[in-house]
């Protein structure tokens, strides 16, 4: 059972770790163990894994969390110690008060490291900042911050609200979940989408993986082009870097709440081009023969105190993309037990 694994650094200090189920199998079997550390270029660190008691976490250790919010018309919201997001569920489409059909990615701006989702939904006053941040963003029917679709016949095709969710991992380090979307039209072809989203502690970016499949038994063409979007607003700046695979913007926020940076990042080999439609700045990305689209999307808020301006945000986006291209190399070696001293009987 990987939930019994404990991790210690070279000095013997225990490091927070989390066992995760990567595929959501019926038995909810743990498939991997994750933990976090910082590296400088070329640095080598050693950690020791051992089996111990079942991992039980304290509330203050959680730096990533997410949940389905039926009380808010089937939202799914997720957060870490830096940012928060939500997406819209099926019940919002028919709400008589303010119906919305959209697969956008919404932004919740926070300035505190603790988890806020439950408290904000409980108080139901999250459009006002009471010292923790607020929902200042209006995603609407745009793509918001990293919402996606498919690009065909020189236009964007998007799905409706998600219809099913499944939590795969829920802190303290990583939140990971699955969303299922109903089939939607893509230039005459009905395509369904299953989306896997994960967010780690200390990161400004969530990882998104969309898996597309033709509905109705038809064959999905192998040359689908994904379109990942950032909502258009007046003013601000937008920069695309095809060589590094990212699209980055800096803009003034609604309600005089400050400024925010948004970005989407994909593998440079998948970057097709930057374009736009009436609502969004778009990054078009190749999906390959497996009909998968993998990318990262996220944002920052200048009042959160981590990234103060457009220059710092663009540098952060660039550094993050370089990190994706140069992942940490992990080697696992069995622990060598010293041999018992050899003894002989004296004459």
C-alpha atoms as a PDB file:
ATOM      1  CA  UNK A   1       0.000   0.000   0.000  1.00  0.00           C
ATOM      2  CA  UNK A   2       1.674   3.206  -1.171  1.00  0.00           C
ATOM      3  CA  UNK A   3      -0.217   5.175   1.476  1.00  0.00           C
ATOM      4  CA  UNK A   4       2.191   3.599   3.984  1.00  0.00           C
ATOM      5  CA  UNK A   5       5.230   5.148   2.285  1.00  0.00           C
ATOM      6  CA  UNK A   6       7.144   7.841   4.191  1.00  0.00           C
ATOM      7  CA  UNK A   7       9.866  10.048   2.724  1.00  0.00           C
ATOM      8  CA  UNK A   8      12.881  11.521   4.540  1.00  0.00           C
ATOM      9  CA  UNK A   9      15.537  13.913   3.273  1.00  0.00           C
ATOM     10  CA  UNK A  10      19.285  13.404   3.602  1.00  0.00           C
ATOM     11  CA  UNK A  11      19.230  14.816   7.139  1.00  0.00           C
ATOM     12  CA  UNK A  12      16.523  12.352   8.181  1.00  0.00           C
ATOM     13  CA  UNK A  13      13.714  14.906   8.328  1.00  0.00           C
ATOM     14  CA  UNK A  14      10.328  13.638   7.147  1.00  0.00           C
ATOM     15  CA  UNK A  15       9.062  15.253   3.931  1.00  0.00           C
ATOM     16  CA  UNK A  16       5.350  15.653   3.229  1.00  0.00           C
ATOM     17  CA  UNK A  17       4.303  13.096   0.598  1.00  0.00           C
ATOM     18  CA  UNK A  18       1.060  11.902  -0.978  1.00  0.00           C
ATOM     19  CA  UNK A  19      -0.012   8.605  -2.529  1.00  0.00           C
ATOM     20  CA  UNK A  20      -2.197   9.142  -5.608  1.00  0.00           C
ATOM     21  CA  UNK A  21      -4.493   7.073  -7.803  1.00  0.00           C
ATOM     22  CA  UNK A  22      -3.647   8.054 -11.384  1.00  0.00           C
ATOM     23  CA  UNK A  23      -6.437   6.258 -13.243  1.00  0.00           C
ATOM     24  CA  UNK A  24      -9.435   6.092 -10.898  1.00  0.00           C
ATOM     25  CA  UNK A  25      -9.750   2.309 -11.071  1.00  0.00           C
ATOM     26  CA  UNK A  26     -12.678   0.747  -9.161  1.00  0.00           C
ATOM     27  CA  UNK A  27     -10.454  -0.360  -6.269  1.00  0.00           C
ATOM     28  CA  UNK A  28      -8.901   3.138  -6.020  1.00  0.00           C
ATOM     29  CA  UNK A  29      -5.453   1.579  -5.988  1.00  0.00           C
ATOM     30  CA  UNK A  30      -2.589   3.999  -5.375  1.00  0.00           C
ATOM     31  CA  UNK A  31      -0.221   4.142  -8.347  1.00  0.00           C
ATOM     32  CA  UNK A  32       2.456   6.653  -7.329  1.00  0.00           C
ATOM     33  CA  UNK A  33       3.894   8.641  -4.445  1.00  0.00           C
ATOM     34  CA  UNK A  34       4.696  12.326  -4.891  1.00  0.00           C
ATOM     35  CA  UNK A  35       6.601  14.858  -2.782  1.00  0.00           C
ATOM     36  CA  UNK A  36       8.129  18.260  -3.449  1.00  0.00           C
ATOM     37  CA  UNK A  37      11.567  19.818  -3.166  1.00  0.00           C
ATOM     38  CA  UNK A  38      13.544  22.633  -4.796  1.00  0.00           C
ATOM     39  CA  UNK A  39      16.571  22.138  -7.054  1.00  0.00           C
ATOM     40  CA  UNK A  40      19.162  24.499  -8.453  1.00  0.00           C
ATOM     41  CA  UNK A  41      20.682  23.687 -11.853  1.00  0.00           C
ATOM     42  CA  UNK A  42      22.611  20.420 -11.773  1.00  0.00           C
ATOM     43  CA  UNK A  43      21.884  19.806  -8.094  1.00  0.00           C
ATOM     44  CA  UNK A  44      21.546  16.233  -6.787  1.00  0.00           C
ATOM     45  CA  UNK A  45      19.504  15.316  -3.725  1.00  0.00           C
ATOM     46  CA  UNK A  46      18.955  12.014  -1.961  1.00  0.00           C
ATOM     47  CA  UNK A  47      15.772  10.908  -0.222  1.00  0.00           C
ATOM     48  CA  UNK A  48      14.947   7.724   1.660  1.00  0.00           C
ATOM     49  CA  UNK A  49      11.591   5.933   1.293  1.00  0.00           C
ATOM     50  CA  UNK A  50      10.368   3.638   4.037  1.00  0.00           C
ATOM     51  CA  UNK A  51       7.174   1.856   5.022  1.00  0.00           C
ATOM     52  CA  UNK A  52       5.401   3.097   8.116  1.00  0.00           C
ATOM     53  CA  UNK A  53       1.970   3.960   9.443  1.00  0.00           C
ATOM     54  CA  UNK A  54      -0.905   5.046   7.192  1.00  0.00           C
ATOM     55  CA  UNK A  55      -0.545   8.670   6.138  1.00  0.00           C
ATOM     56  CA  UNK A  56      -2.985  10.927   8.001  1.00  0.00           C
ATOM     57  CA  UNK A  57      -2.773  14.645   7.260  1.00  0.00           C
ATOM     58  CA  UNK A  58      -3.574  17.678   9.364  1.00  0.00           C
ATOM     59  CA  UNK A  59      -5.785  20.418   7.957  1.00  0.00           C
ATOM     60  CA  UNK A  60      -2.926  22.931   7.950  1.00  0.00           C
ATOM     61  CA  UNK A  61      -0.821  20.627   5.750  1.00  0.00           C
ATOM     62  CA  UNK A  62      -3.228  20.875   2.813  1.00  0.00           C
ATOM     63  CA  UNK A  63      -1.942  23.041  -0.027  1.00  0.00           C
ATOM     64  CA  UNK A  64      -4.191  21.603  -2.757  1.00  0.00           C
ATOM     65  CA  UNK A  65      -7.886  20.748  -2.687  1.00  0.00           C
ATOM     66  CA  UNK A  66     -10.935  20.495  -4.924  1.00  0.00           C
ATOM     67  CA  UNK A  67     -14.545  19.368  -4.889  1.00  0.00           C
ATOM     68  CA  UNK A  68     -17.849  19.136  -6.694  1.00  0.00           C
ATOM     69  CA  UNK A  69     -20.210  21.845  -5.431  1.00  0.00           C
ATOM     70  CA  UNK A  70     -23.767  20.693  -6.016  1.00  0.00           C
ATOM     71  CA  UNK A  71     -25.090  23.562  -3.919  1.00  0.00           C
ATOM     72  CA  UNK A  72     -23.730  26.000  -6.546  1.00  0.00           C
ATOM     73  CA  UNK A  73     -25.413  24.434  -9.603  1.00  0.00           C
ATOM     74  CA  UNK A  74     -22.789  21.680 -10.024  1.00  0.00           C
ATOM     75  CA  UNK A  75     -19.585  23.750 -10.045  1.00  0.00           C
ATOM     76  CA  UNK A  76     -16.280  21.950  -9.714  1.00  0.00           C
ATOM     77  CA  UNK A  77     -13.757  24.152  -7.901  1.00  0.00           C
ATOM     78  CA  UNK A  78     -10.095  23.538  -7.153  1.00  0.00           C
ATOM     79  CA  UNK A  79      -7.243  25.464  -5.547  1.00  0.00           C
ATOM     80  CA  UNK A  80      -3.761  25.409  -4.113  1.00  0.00           C
ATOM     81  CA  UNK A  81      -1.907  27.826  -1.841  1.00  0.00           C
ATOM     82  CA  UNK A  82      -1.619  30.410  -4.659  1.00  0.00           C
ATOM     83  CA  UNK A  83      -4.646  30.277  -6.972  1.00  0.00           C
ATOM     84  CA  UNK A  84      -8.174  28.912  -7.390  1.00  0.00           C
ATOM     85  CA  UNK A  85     -10.402  27.976 -10.341  1.00  0.00           C
ATOM     86  CA  UNK A  86     -13.833  26.615 -11.072  1.00  0.00           C
ATOM     87  CA  UNK A  87     -15.726  25.152 -14.017  1.00  0.00           C
ATOM     88  CA  UNK A  88     -19.455  24.978 -14.597  1.00  0.00           C
ATOM     89  CA  UNK A  89     -21.655  21.914 -14.304  1.00  0.00           C
ATOM     90  CA  UNK A  90     -24.819  20.913 -16.102  1.00  0.00           C
ATOM     91  CA  UNK A  91     -27.278  22.341 -13.558  1.00  0.00           C
ATOM     92  CA  UNK A  92     -26.142  25.885 -14.357  1.00  0.00           C
ATOM     93  CA  UNK A  93     -27.476  25.562 -17.910  1.00  0.00           C
ATOM     94  CA  UNK A  94     -31.089  25.497 -16.692  1.00  0.00           C
ATOM     95  CA  UNK A  95     -30.900  27.730 -13.617  1.00  0.00           C
ATOM     96  CA  UNK A  96     -33.753  30.210 -13.962  1.00  0.00           C
ATOM     97  CA  UNK A  97     -31.855  32.967 -12.167  1.00  0.00           C
ATOM     98  CA  UNK A  98     -28.816  33.324 -14.454  1.00  0.00           C
ATOM     99  CA  UNK A  99     -28.402  30.326 -16.789  1.00  0.00           C
ATOM    100  CA  UNK A 100     -25.011  29.838 -18.406  1.00  0.00           C
ATOM    101  CA  UNK A 101     -23.838  27.310 -20.973  1.00  0.00           C
ATOM    102  CA  UNK A 102     -20.041  27.415 -21.015  1.00  0.00           C
ATOM    103  CA  UNK A 103     -16.993  25.177 -20.642  1.00  0.00           C
ATOM    104  CA  UNK A 104     -14.823  28.155 -19.657  1.00  0.00           C
ATOM    105  CA  UNK A 105     -12.215  28.032 -16.883  1.00  0.00           C
ATOM    106  CA  UNK A 106     -13.105  30.625 -14.247  1.00  0.00           C
ATOM    107  CA  UNK A 107     -10.643  32.428 -11.939  1.00  0.00           C
ATOM    108  CA  UNK A 108     -10.855  32.933  -8.179  1.00  0.00           C
ATOM    109  CA  UNK A 109      -8.107  35.308  -7.017  1.00  0.00           C
ATOM    110  CA  UNK A 110      -6.755  34.608  -3.529  1.00  0.00           C
ATOM    111  CA  UNK A 111      -4.134  36.337  -1.407  1.00  0.00           C
ATOM    112  CA  UNK A 112      -3.851  33.802   1.434  1.00  0.00           C
ATOM    113  CA  UNK A 113      -2.212  30.345   1.426  1.00  0.00           C
ATOM    114  CA  UNK A 114      -4.989  28.504   3.256  1.00  0.00           C
ATOM    115  CA  UNK A 115      -7.773  26.683   1.421  1.00  0.00           C
ATOM    116  CA  UNK A 116     -10.785  28.950   0.832  1.00  0.00           C
ATOM    117  CA  UNK A 117     -13.223  27.045  -1.401  1.00  0.00           C
ATOM    118  CA  UNK A 118     -15.396  25.628   1.370  1.00  0.00           C
ATOM    119  CA  UNK A 119     -15.548  28.902   3.305  1.00  0.00           C
ATOM    120  CA  UNK A 120     -16.366  30.976   0.215  1.00  0.00           C
ATOM    121  CA  UNK A 121     -19.185  28.683  -0.855  1.00  0.00           C
ATOM    122  CA  UNK A 122     -20.459  28.550   2.731  1.00  0.00           C
ATOM    123  CA  UNK A 123     -20.683  32.338   3.102  1.00  0.00           C
ATOM    124  CA  UNK A 124     -21.848  32.752  -0.517  1.00  0.00           C
ATOM    125  CA  UNK A 125     -20.290  36.235  -0.696  1.00  0.00           C
ATOM    126  CA  UNK A 126     -17.192  35.460  -2.740  1.00  0.00           C
ATOM    127  CA  UNK A 127     -17.615  38.360  -5.175  1.00  0.00           C
ATOM    128  CA  UNK A 128     -16.474  40.720  -2.411  1.00  0.00           C
ATOM    129  CA  UNK A 129     -12.955  40.738  -0.990  1.00  0.00           C
ATOM    130  CA  UNK A 130     -12.995  40.286   2.782  1.00  0.00           C
ATOM    131  CA  UNK A 131      -9.212  40.019   3.039  1.00  0.00           C
ATOM    132  CA  UNK A 132      -8.687  36.631   1.369  1.00  0.00           C
ATOM    133  CA  UNK A 133      -9.436  37.604  -2.236  1.00  0.00           C
ATOM    134  CA  UNK A 134     -12.572  37.110  -4.312  1.00  0.00           C
ATOM    135  CA  UNK A 135     -14.117  36.123  -7.618  1.00  0.00           C
ATOM    136  CA  UNK A 136     -13.363  39.252  -9.651  1.00  0.00           C
ATOM    137  CA  UNK A 137     -13.431  37.496 -13.026  1.00  0.00           C
ATOM    138  CA  UNK A 138     -16.278  37.036 -15.489  1.00  0.00           C
ATOM    139  CA  UNK A 139     -15.530  34.092 -17.769  1.00  0.00           C
ATOM    140  CA  UNK A 140     -18.966  33.890 -19.370  1.00  0.00           C
ATOM    141  CA  UNK A 141     -19.011  32.071 -22.707  1.00  0.00           C
ATOM    142  CA  UNK A 142     -15.359  32.919 -23.439  1.00  0.00           C
ATOM    143  CA  UNK A 143     -12.600  30.383 -22.761  1.00  0.00           C
ATOM    144  CA  UNK A 144     -11.694  32.242 -19.557  1.00  0.00           C
ATOM    145  CA  UNK A 145      -8.251  31.186 -18.361  1.00  0.00           C
ATOM    146  CA  UNK A 146      -7.277  28.135 -20.405  1.00  0.00           C
ATOM    147  CA  UNK A 147     -10.628  26.774 -21.477  1.00  0.00           C
ATOM    148  CA  UNK A 148     -10.292  24.768 -24.662  1.00  0.00           C
ATOM    149  CA  UNK A 149     -12.083  23.537 -27.746  1.00  0.00           C
ATOM    150  CA  UNK A 150     -11.270  22.310 -31.230  1.00  0.00           C
ATOM    151  CA  UNK A 151     -10.366  24.399 -34.264  1.00  0.00           C
ATOM    152  CA  UNK A 152     -11.864  23.457 -37.635  1.00  0.00           C
ATOM    153  CA  UNK A 153     -13.065  25.347 -40.721  1.00  0.00           C
ATOM    154  CA  UNK A 154     -11.226  28.409 -39.401  1.00  0.00           C
ATOM    155  CA  UNK A 155     -13.348  28.710 -36.247  1.00  0.00           C
ATOM    156  CA  UNK A 156     -13.599  27.526 -32.639  1.00  0.00           C
ATOM    157  CA  UNK A 157     -15.940  24.686 -31.628  1.00  0.00           C
ATOM    158  CA  UNK A 158     -16.645  24.200 -27.915  1.00  0.00           C
ATOM    159  CA  UNK A 159     -18.517  21.838 -25.621  1.00  0.00           C
ATOM    160  CA  UNK A 160     -21.299  22.571 -23.160  1.00  0.00           C
ATOM    161  CA  UNK A 161     -20.980  22.308 -19.350  1.00  0.00           C
ATOM    162  CA  UNK A 162     -19.490  19.131 -17.893  1.00  0.00           C
ATOM    163  CA  UNK A 163     -21.902  16.324 -16.983  1.00  0.00           C
ATOM    164  CA  UNK A 164     -19.821  14.122 -14.643  1.00  0.00           C
ATOM    165  CA  UNK A 165     -16.830  14.536 -12.336  1.00  0.00           C
ATOM    166  CA  UNK A 166     -14.543  12.164 -10.465  1.00  0.00           C
ATOM    167  CA  UNK A 167     -11.878  13.111  -7.920  1.00  0.00           C
ATOM    168  CA  UNK A 168      -8.660  11.107  -8.335  1.00  0.00           C
ATOM    169  CA  UNK A 169      -6.429  12.838  -5.760  1.00  0.00           C
ATOM    170  CA  UNK A 170      -7.275  15.495  -3.194  1.00  0.00           C
ATOM    171  CA  UNK A 171      -4.249  16.871  -1.398  1.00  0.00           C
ATOM    172  CA  UNK A 172      -2.327  17.699   0.548  1.00  0.00           C
ATOM    173  CA  UNK A 173       0.111  18.241  -2.369  1.00  0.00           C
ATOM    174  CA  UNK A 174      -1.897  17.561  -5.534  1.00  0.00           C
ATOM    175  CA  UNK A 175      -5.550  17.778  -6.502  1.00  0.00           C
ATOM    176  CA  UNK A 176      -6.461  15.790  -9.611  1.00  0.00           C
ATOM    177  CA  UNK A 177      -9.862  15.101 -11.123  1.00  0.00           C
ATOM    178  CA  UNK A 178     -11.686  14.019 -14.253  1.00  0.00           C
ATOM    179  CA  UNK A 179     -14.502  15.832 -16.071  1.00  0.00           C
ATOM    180  CA  UNK A 180     -16.720  14.332 -18.750  1.00  0.00           C
ATOM    181  CA  UNK A 181     -18.330  16.553 -21.386  1.00  0.00           C
ATOM    182  CA  UNK A 182     -21.235  15.608 -23.650  1.00  0.00           C
ATOM    183  CA  UNK A 183     -20.635  15.213 -27.404  1.00  0.00           C
ATOM    184  CA  UNK A 184     -20.407  18.501 -29.274  1.00  0.00           C
ATOM    185  CA  UNK A 185     -20.316  19.429 -32.936  1.00  0.00           C
ATOM    186  CA  UNK A 186     -16.974  20.016 -34.660  1.00  0.00           C
ATOM    187  CA  UNK A 187     -17.696  21.004 -38.247  1.00  0.00           C
ATOM    188  CA  UNK A 188     -20.205  18.174 -38.707  1.00  0.00           C
ATOM    189  CA  UNK A 189     -18.422  15.601 -36.519  1.00  0.00           C
ATOM    190  CA  UNK A 190     -19.762  14.775 -33.042  1.00  0.00           C
ATOM    191  CA  UNK A 191     -16.880  14.601 -30.569  1.00  0.00           C
ATOM    192  CA  UNK A 192     -16.922  13.785 -26.847  1.00  0.00           C
ATOM    193  CA  UNK A 193     -14.252  14.969 -24.416  1.00  0.00           C
ATOM    194  CA  UNK A 194     -12.856  13.669 -21.140  1.00  0.00           C
ATOM    195  CA  UNK A 195     -10.644  16.173 -19.374  1.00  0.00           C
ATOM    196  CA  UNK A 196      -8.071  15.432 -16.655  1.00  0.00           C
ATOM    197  CA  UNK A 197      -6.965  18.393 -14.550  1.00  0.00           C
ATOM    198  CA  UNK A 198      -4.333  18.515 -11.828  1.00  0.00           C
ATOM    199  CA  UNK A 199      -2.800  21.272  -9.718  1.00  0.00           C
ATOM    200  CA  UNK A 200       0.180  20.984  -7.380  1.00  0.00           C
ATOM    201  CA  UNK A 201       1.033  23.043  -4.327  1.00  0.00           C
ATOM    202  CA  UNK A 202       3.100  26.140  -5.032  1.00  0.00           C
ATOM    203  CA  UNK A 203       2.253  26.294  -8.753  1.00  0.00           C
ATOM    204  CA  UNK A 204       0.557  29.037 -10.780  1.00  0.00           C
ATOM    205  CA  UNK A 205      -0.412  26.498 -13.480  1.00  0.00           C
ATOM    206  CA  UNK A 206      -2.840  23.583 -13.660  1.00  0.00           C
ATOM    207  CA  UNK A 207      -2.100  20.726 -16.025  1.00  0.00           C
ATOM    208  CA  UNK A 208      -4.894  19.874 -18.482  1.00  0.00           C
ATOM    209  CA  UNK A 209      -5.220  16.754 -20.617  1.00  0.00           C
ATOM    210  CA  UNK A 210      -8.215  16.468 -22.956  1.00  0.00           C
ATOM    211  CA  UNK A 211      -8.952  13.139 -24.616  1.00  0.00           C
ATOM    212  CA  UNK A 212     -11.266  13.326 -27.624  1.00  0.00           C
ATOM    213  CA  UNK A 213     -13.336  10.569 -29.142  1.00  0.00           C
ATOM    214  CA  UNK A 214     -15.863  10.563 -31.964  1.00  0.00           C
ATOM    215  CA  UNK A 215     -19.404   9.936 -30.790  1.00  0.00           C
ATOM    216  CA  UNK A 216     -21.833   7.528 -32.430  1.00  0.00           C
ATOM    217  CA  UNK A 217     -19.261   4.967 -33.525  1.00  0.00           C
ATOM    218  CA  UNK A 218     -17.638   7.187 -36.155  1.00  0.00           C
ATOM    219  CA  UNK A 219     -13.875   7.412 -36.503  1.00  0.00           C
ATOM    220  CA  UNK A 220     -12.149  10.465 -35.077  1.00  0.00           C
ATOM    221  CA  UNK A 221      -9.838  12.046 -37.658  1.00  0.00           C
ATOM    222  CA  UNK A 222      -6.163  11.903 -36.635  1.00  0.00           C
ATOM    223  CA  UNK A 223      -5.493  15.590 -37.328  1.00  0.00           C
ATOM    224  CA  UNK A 224      -7.612  17.351 -34.712  1.00  0.00           C
ATOM    225  CA  UNK A 225      -6.338  20.800 -33.761  1.00  0.00           C
ATOM    226  CA  UNK A 226      -6.875  21.917 -30.180  1.00  0.00           C
ATOM    227  CA  UNK A 227      -7.556  25.561 -29.371  1.00  0.00           C
ATOM    228  CA  UNK A 228      -6.727  26.840 -25.878  1.00  0.00           C
ATOM    229  CA  UNK A 229      -8.004  30.285 -25.033  1.00  0.00           C
ATOM    230  CA  UNK A 230      -7.585  33.356 -22.878  1.00  0.00           C
ATOM    231  CA  UNK A 231     -10.524  35.738 -22.653  1.00  0.00           C
ATOM    232  CA  UNK A 232     -10.087  39.025 -24.508  1.00  0.00           C
ATOM    233  CA  UNK A 233     -10.244  42.233 -22.459  1.00  0.00           C
ATOM    234  CA  UNK A 234      -9.610  45.836 -23.429  1.00  0.00           C
ATOM    235  CA  UNK A 235      -6.043  47.045 -23.075  1.00  0.00           C
ATOM    236  CA  UNK A 236      -3.230  44.987 -21.620  1.00  0.00           C
ATOM    237  CA  UNK A 237      -0.522  43.114 -23.467  1.00  0.00           C
ATOM    238  CA  UNK A 238      -0.363  39.769 -25.268  1.00  0.00           C
ATOM    239  CA  UNK A 239       2.834  37.902 -26.212  1.00  0.00           C
ATOM    240  CA  UNK A 240       3.189  34.592 -28.046  1.00  0.00           C
ATOM    241  CA  UNK A 241       6.378  32.529 -28.098  1.00  0.00           C
ATOM    242  CA  UNK A 242       6.155  29.641 -30.565  1.00  0.00           C
ATOM    243  CA  UNK A 243       9.716  28.488 -29.850  1.00  0.00           C
ATOM    244  CA  UNK A 244       8.914  27.968 -26.153  1.00  0.00           C
ATOM    245  CA  UNK A 245       5.262  27.008 -26.681  1.00  0.00           C
ATOM    246  CA  UNK A 246       3.379  29.682 -24.745  1.00  0.00           C
ATOM    247  CA  UNK A 247       0.851  32.498 -24.983  1.00  0.00           C
ATOM    248  CA  UNK A 248       0.997  35.092 -22.221  1.00  0.00           C
ATOM    249  CA  UNK A 249      -0.969  38.221 -21.328  1.00  0.00           C
ATOM    250  CA  UNK A 250      -1.145  40.939 -18.667  1.00  0.00           C
ATOM    251  CA  UNK A 251      -4.345  42.893 -18.059  1.00  0.00           C
ATOM    252  CA  UNK A 252      -6.296  45.164 -15.764  1.00  0.00           C
ATOM    253  CA  UNK A 253      -8.872  43.328 -13.662  1.00  0.00           C
ATOM    254  CA  UNK A 254     -12.547  44.050 -13.202  1.00  0.00           C
ATOM    255  CA  UNK A 255     -13.828  46.027 -10.188  1.00  0.00           C
ATOM    256  CA  UNK A 256     -10.486  47.889  -9.889  1.00  0.00           C
ATOM    257  CA  UNK A 257      -9.067  44.793  -8.212  1.00  0.00           C
ATOM    258  CA  UNK A 258      -5.558  45.267  -9.614  1.00  0.00           C
ATOM    259  CA  UNK A 259      -3.836  43.459 -12.462  1.00  0.00           C
ATOM    260  CA  UNK A 260      -3.458  39.817 -13.422  1.00  0.00           C
ATOM    261  CA  UNK A 261      -1.352  37.732 -15.745  1.00  0.00           C
ATOM    262  CA  UNK A 262      -2.746  34.750 -17.639  1.00  0.00           C
ATOM    263  CA  UNK A 263      -0.952  32.176 -19.775  1.00  0.00           C
ATOM    264  CA  UNK A 264      -1.290  28.872 -21.581  1.00  0.00           C
ATOM    265  CA  UNK A 265       1.694  26.624 -22.284  1.00  0.00           C
ATOM    266  CA  UNK A 266       2.086  23.596 -24.511  1.00  0.00           C
ATOM    267  CA  UNK A 267       5.022  21.529 -25.742  1.00  0.00           C
ATOM    268  CA  UNK A 268       6.850  23.545 -28.424  1.00  0.00           C
ATOM    269  CA  UNK A 269       6.479  20.646 -30.886  1.00  0.00           C
ATOM    270  CA  UNK A 270       2.689  20.900 -30.510  1.00  0.00           C
ATOM    271  CA  UNK A 271       2.477  24.676 -30.912  1.00  0.00           C
ATOM    272  CA  UNK A 272       0.799  25.375 -34.252  1.00  0.00           C
ATOM    273  CA  UNK A 273       0.088  29.096 -34.154  1.00  0.00           C
ATOM    274  CA  UNK A 274      -1.472  31.930 -32.170  1.00  0.00           C
ATOM    275  CA  UNK A 275      -4.760  33.317 -33.435  1.00  0.00           C
ATOM    276  CA  UNK A 276      -7.974  34.823 -32.090  1.00  0.00           C
ATOM    277  CA  UNK A 277     -11.728  34.955 -32.436  1.00  0.00           C
ATOM    278  CA  UNK A 278     -14.226  37.545 -31.226  1.00  0.00           C
ATOM    279  CA  UNK A 279     -13.940  36.500 -27.565  1.00  0.00           C
ATOM    280  CA  UNK A 280     -10.524  34.931 -27.114  1.00  0.00           C
ATOM    281  CA  UNK A 281      -6.820  34.993 -27.763  1.00  0.00           C
ATOM    282  CA  UNK A 282      -6.078  31.417 -28.847  1.00  0.00           C
ATOM    283  CA  UNK A 283      -3.142  29.037 -28.946  1.00  0.00           C
ATOM    284  CA  UNK A 284      -3.673  26.330 -31.558  1.00  0.00           C
ATOM    285  CA  UNK A 285      -1.952  23.028 -30.781  1.00  0.00           C
ATOM    286  CA  UNK A 286      -1.597  19.725 -32.609  1.00  0.00           C
ATOM    287  CA  UNK A 287      -3.173  16.712 -30.893  1.00  0.00           C
ATOM    288  CA  UNK A 288      -1.383  13.845 -32.666  1.00  0.00           C
ATOM    289  CA  UNK A 289      -2.814  10.474 -33.613  1.00  0.00           C
ATOM    290  CA  UNK A 290      -3.940   9.716 -30.023  1.00  0.00           C
ATOM    291  CA  UNK A 291      -6.405  12.652 -30.095  1.00  0.00           C
ATOM    292  CA  UNK A 292      -4.976  14.015 -26.829  1.00  0.00           C
ATOM    293  CA  UNK A 293      -4.298  17.641 -26.020  1.00  0.00           C
ATOM    294  CA  UNK A 294      -1.963  18.345 -23.089  1.00  0.00           C
ATOM    295  CA  UNK A 295      -1.257  21.859 -21.877  1.00  0.00           C
ATOM    296  CA  UNK A 296      -0.837  24.029 -18.797  1.00  0.00           C
ATOM    297  CA  UNK A 297      -2.887  27.115 -17.966  1.00  0.00           C
ATOM    298  CA  UNK A 298      -2.802  29.511 -15.055  1.00  0.00           C
ATOM    299  CA  UNK A 299      -2.682  33.033 -13.769  1.00  0.00           C
ATOM    300  CA  UNK A 300      -1.308  35.401 -11.134  1.00  0.00           C
ATOM    301  CA  UNK A 301      -2.713  38.396  -9.251  1.00  0.00           C
ATOM    302  CA  UNK A 302      -0.435  41.309  -8.433  1.00  0.00           C
ATOM    303  CA  UNK A 303      -2.126  41.847  -5.034  1.00  0.00           C
ATOM    304  CA  UNK A 304      -1.298  38.290  -3.983  1.00  0.00           C
ATOM    305  CA  UNK A 305       2.283  39.496  -3.515  1.00  0.00           C
ATOM    306  CA  UNK A 306       4.149  36.876  -5.550  1.00  0.00           C
ATOM    307  CA  UNK A 307       4.361  38.271  -9.098  1.00  0.00           C
ATOM    308  CA  UNK A 308       4.080  42.078  -9.230  1.00  0.00           C
ATOM    309  CA  UNK A 309       4.040  43.067 -12.904  1.00  0.00           C
ATOM    310  CA  UNK A 310       3.964  42.026 -16.555  1.00  0.00           C
ATOM    311  CA  UNK A 311       7.737  41.609 -16.819  1.00  0.00           C
ATOM    312  CA  UNK A 312       7.893  39.303 -13.808  1.00  0.00           C
ATOM    313  CA  UNK A 313       4.917  37.294 -15.110  1.00  0.00           C
ATOM    314  CA  UNK A 314       6.449  36.788 -18.536  1.00  0.00           C
ATOM    315  CA  UNK A 315       9.701  35.647 -16.899  1.00  0.00           C
ATOM    316  CA  UNK A 316       7.759  33.212 -14.696  1.00  0.00           C
ATOM    317  CA  UNK A 317       5.952  31.771 -17.724  1.00  0.00           C
ATOM    318  CA  UNK A 318       9.243  31.387 -19.580  1.00  0.00           C
ATOM    319  CA  UNK A 319      10.951  29.737 -16.622  1.00  0.00           C
ATOM    320  CA  UNK A 320       8.033  27.351 -16.139  1.00  0.00           C
ATOM    321  CA  UNK A 321       8.137  26.297 -19.802  1.00  0.00           C
ATOM    322  CA  UNK A 322      11.889  25.687 -19.522  1.00  0.00           C
ATOM    323  CA  UNK A 323      11.255  23.530 -16.463  1.00  0.00           C
ATOM    324  CA  UNK A 324       8.732  21.440 -18.396  1.00  0.00           C
ATOM    325  CA  UNK A 325      11.330  20.906 -21.116  1.00  0.00           C
ATOM    326  CA  UNK A 326      14.011  19.900 -18.541  1.00  0.00           C
ATOM    327  CA  UNK A 327      12.312  17.688 -15.943  1.00  0.00           C
ATOM    328  CA  UNK A 328      14.065  16.395 -12.850  1.00  0.00           C
ATOM    329  CA  UNK A 329      15.690  12.999 -13.379  1.00  0.00           C
ATOM    330  CA  UNK A 330      14.710  10.475 -10.710  1.00  0.00           C
ATOM    331  CA  UNK A 331      16.662   7.316  -9.929  1.00  0.00           C
ATOM    332  CA  UNK A 332      15.374   4.721  -7.457  1.00  0.00           C
ATOM    333  CA  UNK A 333      17.938   2.445  -5.844  1.00  0.00           C
ATOM    334  CA  UNK A 334      17.412  -0.311  -3.257  1.00  0.00           C
ATOM    335  CA  UNK A 335      18.850   0.378   0.147  1.00  0.00           C
ATOM    336  CA  UNK A 336      22.050  -1.565   0.708  1.00  0.00           C
ATOM    337  CA  UNK A 337      22.129  -3.288   4.076  1.00  0.00           C
ATOM    338  CA  UNK A 338      25.634  -3.628   5.553  1.00  0.00           C
ATOM    339  CA  UNK A 339      26.862  -7.193   5.901  1.00  0.00           C
ATOM    340  CA  UNK A 340      27.229  -8.621   9.377  1.00  0.00           C
ATOM    341  CA  UNK A 341      30.828  -8.743  10.540  1.00  0.00           C
ATOM    342  CA  UNK A 342      32.410 -12.085   9.824  1.00  0.00           C
ATOM    343  CA  UNK A 343      33.542 -13.906  12.947  1.00  0.00           C
ATOM    344  CA  UNK A 344      35.619 -17.025  13.443  1.00  0.00           C
ATOM    345  CA  UNK A 345      35.943 -19.311  16.431  1.00  0.00           C
ATOM    346  CA  UNK A 346      39.225 -18.689  18.223  1.00  0.00           C
ATOM    347  CA  UNK A 347      41.621 -21.591  18.390  1.00  0.00           C
END
